Amino acid sequence: MYYRKTNSGNQPGGQLVGFLAGCVAGIMIGGALGMLMAPHRGDITRRKISKKAEATKNQVVEKVEDLMVHRRQEEDHNGDEKAAN
């Protein structure tokens, strides 16, 4: 049996407009539900987010510093080997 897909949207940008409208509706519904179902008041939630962001920033800085120290030690070790040869 032959199946033929019909294009219901005759406008060239019709699919894009529908997609964007769906995204906007989803953002609005999600925001409203998030505010209604939030477990804490806004100031408490902001404080928690701030603390978590600070902890994450500290972890990233620590990892970068560790990588820089490791790379510097590696370069020093390779320089010592070249000098010995």
N, C-alpha and C. Protein backbone atom coordinates (compact mmCIF):
# COMPACT_ATOMS: atom_id res chain seq x y z
N MET A 1 0.84 -1.17 0.00
CA MET A 1 0.00 0.00 0.00
C MET A 1 0.89 1.24 0.00
N TYR A 2 0.58 2.18 -0.81
CA TYR A 2 1.37 3.39 -0.98
C TYR A 2 0.94 4.42 0.04
N TYR A 3 1.90 4.96 0.77
CA TYR A 3 1.62 5.97 1.79
C TYR A 3 2.18 7.29 1.32
N ARG A 4 1.37 8.29 1.35
CA ARG A 4 1.80 9.61 0.92
C ARG A 4 1.59 10.60 2.06
N LYS A 5 2.63 11.23 2.46
CA LYS A 5 2.55 12.20 3.54
C LYS A 5 2.08 13.52 2.97
N THR A 6 1.07 14.06 3.58
CA THR A 6 0.55 15.34 3.12
C THR A 6 1.10 16.44 4.02
N ASN A 7 1.36 17.56 3.44
CA ASN A 7 1.87 18.71 4.17
C ASN A 7 0.69 19.63 4.45
N SER A 8 0.31 19.69 5.74
CA SER A 8 -0.85 20.50 6.08
C SER A 8 -0.50 21.98 6.14
N GLY A 9 0.77 22.30 6.39
CA GLY A 9 1.18 23.70 6.47
C GLY A 9 1.67 24.18 5.12
N ASN A 10 0.91 25.04 4.49
CA ASN A 10 1.29 25.53 3.17
C ASN A 10 2.30 26.67 3.26
N GLN A 11 2.42 27.30 4.42
CA GLN A 11 3.35 28.40 4.57
C GLN A 11 4.77 27.85 4.77
N PRO A 12 5.78 28.50 4.18
CA PRO A 12 7.14 27.98 4.28
C PRO A 12 7.68 27.94 5.71
N GLY A 13 7.34 28.92 6.56
CA GLY A 13 7.85 28.93 7.92
C GLY A 13 6.84 28.45 8.93
N GLY A 14 5.80 27.79 8.51
CA GLY A 14 4.73 27.36 9.41
C GLY A 14 5.19 26.40 10.49
N GLN A 15 6.08 25.49 10.14
CA GLN A 15 6.57 24.52 11.12
C GLN A 15 7.44 25.22 12.17
N LEU A 16 8.23 26.16 11.75
CA LEU A 16 9.09 26.88 12.69
C LEU A 16 8.26 27.70 13.67
N VAL A 17 7.22 28.36 13.17
CA VAL A 17 6.36 29.16 14.04
C VAL A 17 5.66 28.26 15.05
N GLY A 18 5.20 27.11 14.62
CA GLY A 18 4.55 26.16 15.53
C GLY A 18 5.51 25.65 16.59
N PHE A 19 6.73 25.36 16.17
CA PHE A 19 7.74 24.89 17.12
C PHE A 19 8.05 25.96 18.15
N LEU A 20 8.25 27.20 17.70
CA LEU A 20 8.55 28.29 18.63
C LEU A 20 7.38 28.57 19.57
N ALA A 21 6.17 28.49 19.07
CA ALA A 21 5.00 28.69 19.93
C ALA A 21 4.94 27.60 21.00
N GLY A 22 5.26 26.37 20.63
CA GLY A 22 5.29 25.28 21.60
C GLY A 22 6.36 25.48 22.66
N CYS A 23 7.53 25.99 22.24
CA CYS A 23 8.61 26.27 23.19
C CYS A 23 8.20 27.35 24.18
N VAL A 24 7.61 28.42 23.69
CA VAL A 24 7.18 29.52 24.56
C VAL A 24 6.12 29.02 25.54
N ALA A 25 5.16 28.25 25.05
CA ALA A 25 4.12 27.71 25.93
C ALA A 25 4.73 26.80 26.99
N GLY A 26 5.68 25.97 26.60
CA GLY A 26 6.33 25.08 27.56
C GLY A 26 7.10 25.83 28.63
N ILE A 27 7.79 26.90 28.22
CA ILE A 27 8.54 27.71 29.19
C ILE A 27 7.57 28.36 30.18
N MET A 28 6.47 28.89 29.68
CA MET A 28 5.50 29.55 30.56
C MET A 28 4.86 28.56 31.52
N ILE A 29 4.45 27.41 31.03
CA ILE A 29 3.82 26.41 31.88
C ILE A 29 4.83 25.88 32.90
N GLY A 30 6.05 25.62 32.46
CA GLY A 30 7.09 25.13 33.36
C GLY A 30 7.42 26.14 34.45
N GLY A 31 7.51 27.40 34.09
CA GLY A 31 7.78 28.44 35.08
C GLY A 31 6.67 28.55 36.11
N ALA A 32 5.44 28.50 35.63
CA ALA A 32 4.30 28.59 36.55
C ALA A 32 4.26 27.40 37.50
N LEU A 33 4.47 26.20 36.97
CA LEU A 33 4.48 25.02 37.83
C LEU A 33 5.66 25.04 38.80
N GLY A 34 6.79 25.54 38.35
CA GLY A 34 7.95 25.64 39.23
C GLY A 34 7.70 26.57 40.40
N MET A 35 7.03 27.68 40.14
CA MET A 35 6.72 28.61 41.23
C MET A 35 5.69 28.02 42.19
N LEU A 36 4.72 27.31 41.66
CA LEU A 36 3.68 26.74 42.51
C LEU A 36 4.19 25.57 43.35
N MET A 37 5.14 24.81 42.82
CA MET A 37 5.59 23.61 43.51
C MET A 37 6.95 23.76 44.17
N ALA A 38 7.46 24.96 44.27
CA ALA A 38 8.77 25.18 44.88
C ALA A 38 8.73 24.77 46.35
N PRO A 39 9.74 24.03 46.81
CA PRO A 39 9.73 23.56 48.19
C PRO A 39 10.07 24.64 49.22
N HIS A 40 10.68 25.74 48.80
CA HIS A 40 11.11 26.79 49.73
C HIS A 40 10.73 28.15 49.17
N ARG A 41 10.82 29.16 50.05
CA ARG A 41 10.61 30.53 49.62
C ARG A 41 11.73 30.94 48.67
N GLY A 42 11.52 32.01 47.94
CA GLY A 42 12.49 32.45 46.95
C GLY A 42 13.84 32.81 47.52
N ASP A 43 13.87 33.49 48.68
CA ASP A 43 15.16 33.89 49.25
C ASP A 43 15.97 32.68 49.71
N ILE A 44 15.29 31.67 50.22
CA ILE A 44 16.00 30.45 50.64
C ILE A 44 16.55 29.72 49.42
N THR A 45 15.74 29.62 48.38
CA THR A 45 16.19 28.95 47.15
C THR A 45 17.37 29.69 46.53
N ARG A 46 17.32 31.02 46.49
CA ARG A 46 18.44 31.79 45.93
C ARG A 46 19.71 31.58 46.75
N ARG A 47 19.57 31.51 48.07
CA ARG A 47 20.73 31.28 48.93
C ARG A 47 21.33 29.90 48.67
N LYS A 48 20.47 28.89 48.52
CA LYS A 48 20.96 27.54 48.23
C LYS A 48 21.68 27.50 46.88
N ILE A 49 21.10 28.15 45.88
CA ILE A 49 21.72 28.18 44.55
C ILE A 49 23.06 28.89 44.62
N SER A 50 23.12 29.97 45.37
CA SER A 50 24.37 30.73 45.51
C SER A 50 25.46 29.89 46.17
N LYS A 51 25.09 29.19 47.23
CA LYS A 51 26.07 28.33 47.92
C LYS A 51 26.57 27.21 47.00
N LYS A 52 25.64 26.60 46.26
CA LYS A 52 26.02 25.51 45.35
C LYS A 52 26.92 26.03 44.23
N ALA A 53 26.61 27.22 43.70
CA ALA A 53 27.44 27.81 42.65
C ALA A 53 28.83 28.12 43.17
N GLU A 54 28.92 28.64 44.39
CA GLU A 54 30.23 28.95 44.98
C GLU A 54 31.04 27.67 45.18
N ALA A 55 30.39 26.61 45.67
CA ALA A 55 31.09 25.34 45.87
C ALA A 55 31.58 24.77 44.55
N THR A 56 30.76 24.85 43.52
CA THR A 56 31.14 24.35 42.20
C THR A 56 32.31 25.16 41.64
N LYS A 57 32.25 26.49 41.81
CA LYS A 57 33.34 27.34 41.35
C LYS A 57 34.65 26.97 42.04
N ASN A 58 34.58 26.74 43.34
CA ASN A 58 35.78 26.36 44.09
C ASN A 58 36.34 25.03 43.61
N GLN A 59 35.46 24.07 43.29
CA GLN A 59 35.91 22.78 42.78
C GLN A 59 36.60 22.94 41.43
N VAL A 60 36.03 23.77 40.56
CA VAL A 60 36.62 23.97 39.23
C VAL A 60 37.98 24.64 39.36
N VAL A 61 38.08 25.66 40.22
CA VAL A 61 39.36 26.36 40.41
C VAL A 61 40.41 25.39 40.96
N GLU A 62 40.01 24.55 41.90
CA GLU A 62 40.94 23.58 42.47
C GLU A 62 41.43 22.59 41.41
N LYS A 63 40.52 22.10 40.58
CA LYS A 63 40.91 21.14 39.53
C LYS A 63 41.86 21.79 38.53
N VAL A 64 41.57 23.04 38.14
CA VAL A 64 42.44 23.73 37.18
C VAL A 64 43.82 23.95 37.78
N GLU A 65 43.87 24.33 39.05
CA GLU A 65 45.17 24.52 39.70
C GLU A 65 45.93 23.21 39.76
N ASP A 66 45.24 22.11 40.07
CA ASP A 66 45.89 20.80 40.11
C ASP A 66 46.44 20.43 38.74
N LEU A 67 45.67 20.70 37.69
CA LEU A 67 46.14 20.39 36.34
C LEU A 67 47.35 21.24 35.97
N MET A 68 47.34 22.51 36.38
CA MET A 68 48.47 23.38 36.07
C MET A 68 49.73 22.91 36.79
N VAL A 69 49.60 22.52 38.05
CA VAL A 69 50.74 22.02 38.82
C VAL A 69 51.25 20.73 38.20
N HIS A 70 50.33 19.85 37.83
CA HIS A 70 50.72 18.58 37.22
C HIS A 70 51.44 18.82 35.89
N ARG A 71 50.94 19.73 35.07
CA ARG A 71 51.57 20.03 33.79
C ARG A 71 52.95 20.63 34.01
N ARG A 72 53.08 21.54 34.99
CA ARG A 72 54.36 22.16 35.27
C ARG A 72 55.38 21.11 35.73
N GLN A 73 54.94 20.18 36.58
CA GLN A 73 55.83 19.11 37.04
C GLN A 73 56.24 18.22 35.87
N GLU A 74 55.30 17.96 34.98
CA GLU A 74 55.58 17.14 33.80
C GLU A 74 56.60 17.83 32.90
N GLU A 75 56.43 19.15 32.69
CA GLU A 75 57.37 19.89 31.86
C GLU A 75 58.76 19.93 32.50
N ASP A 76 58.81 20.12 33.82
CA ASP A 76 60.10 20.11 34.52
C ASP A 76 60.76 18.75 34.40
N HIS A 77 59.99 17.69 34.52
CA HIS A 77 60.53 16.33 34.42
C HIS A 77 61.08 16.07 33.02
N ASN A 78 60.33 16.49 31.99
CA ASN A 78 60.79 16.31 30.61
C ASN A 78 62.02 17.16 30.34
N GLY A 79 62.10 18.35 30.91
CA GLY A 79 63.28 19.22 30.74
C GLY A 79 64.51 18.60 31.38
N ASP A 80 64.33 17.96 32.54
CA ASP A 80 65.44 17.31 33.23
C ASP A 80 65.96 16.13 32.41
N GLU A 81 65.06 15.37 31.78
CA GLU A 81 65.46 14.24 30.95
C GLU A 81 66.25 14.71 29.73
N LYS A 82 65.81 15.79 29.11
CA LYS A 82 66.51 16.31 27.93
C LYS A 82 67.89 16.83 28.31
N ALA A 83 67.99 17.45 29.48
CA ALA A 83 69.28 17.98 29.92
C ALA A 83 70.25 16.84 30.23
N ALA A 84 69.73 15.72 30.71
CA ALA A 84 70.59 14.58 31.05
C ALA A 84 71.12 13.91 29.79
N ASN A 85 70.41 13.99 28.69
CA ASN A 85 70.83 13.33 27.43
C ASN A 85 71.83 14.22 26.78
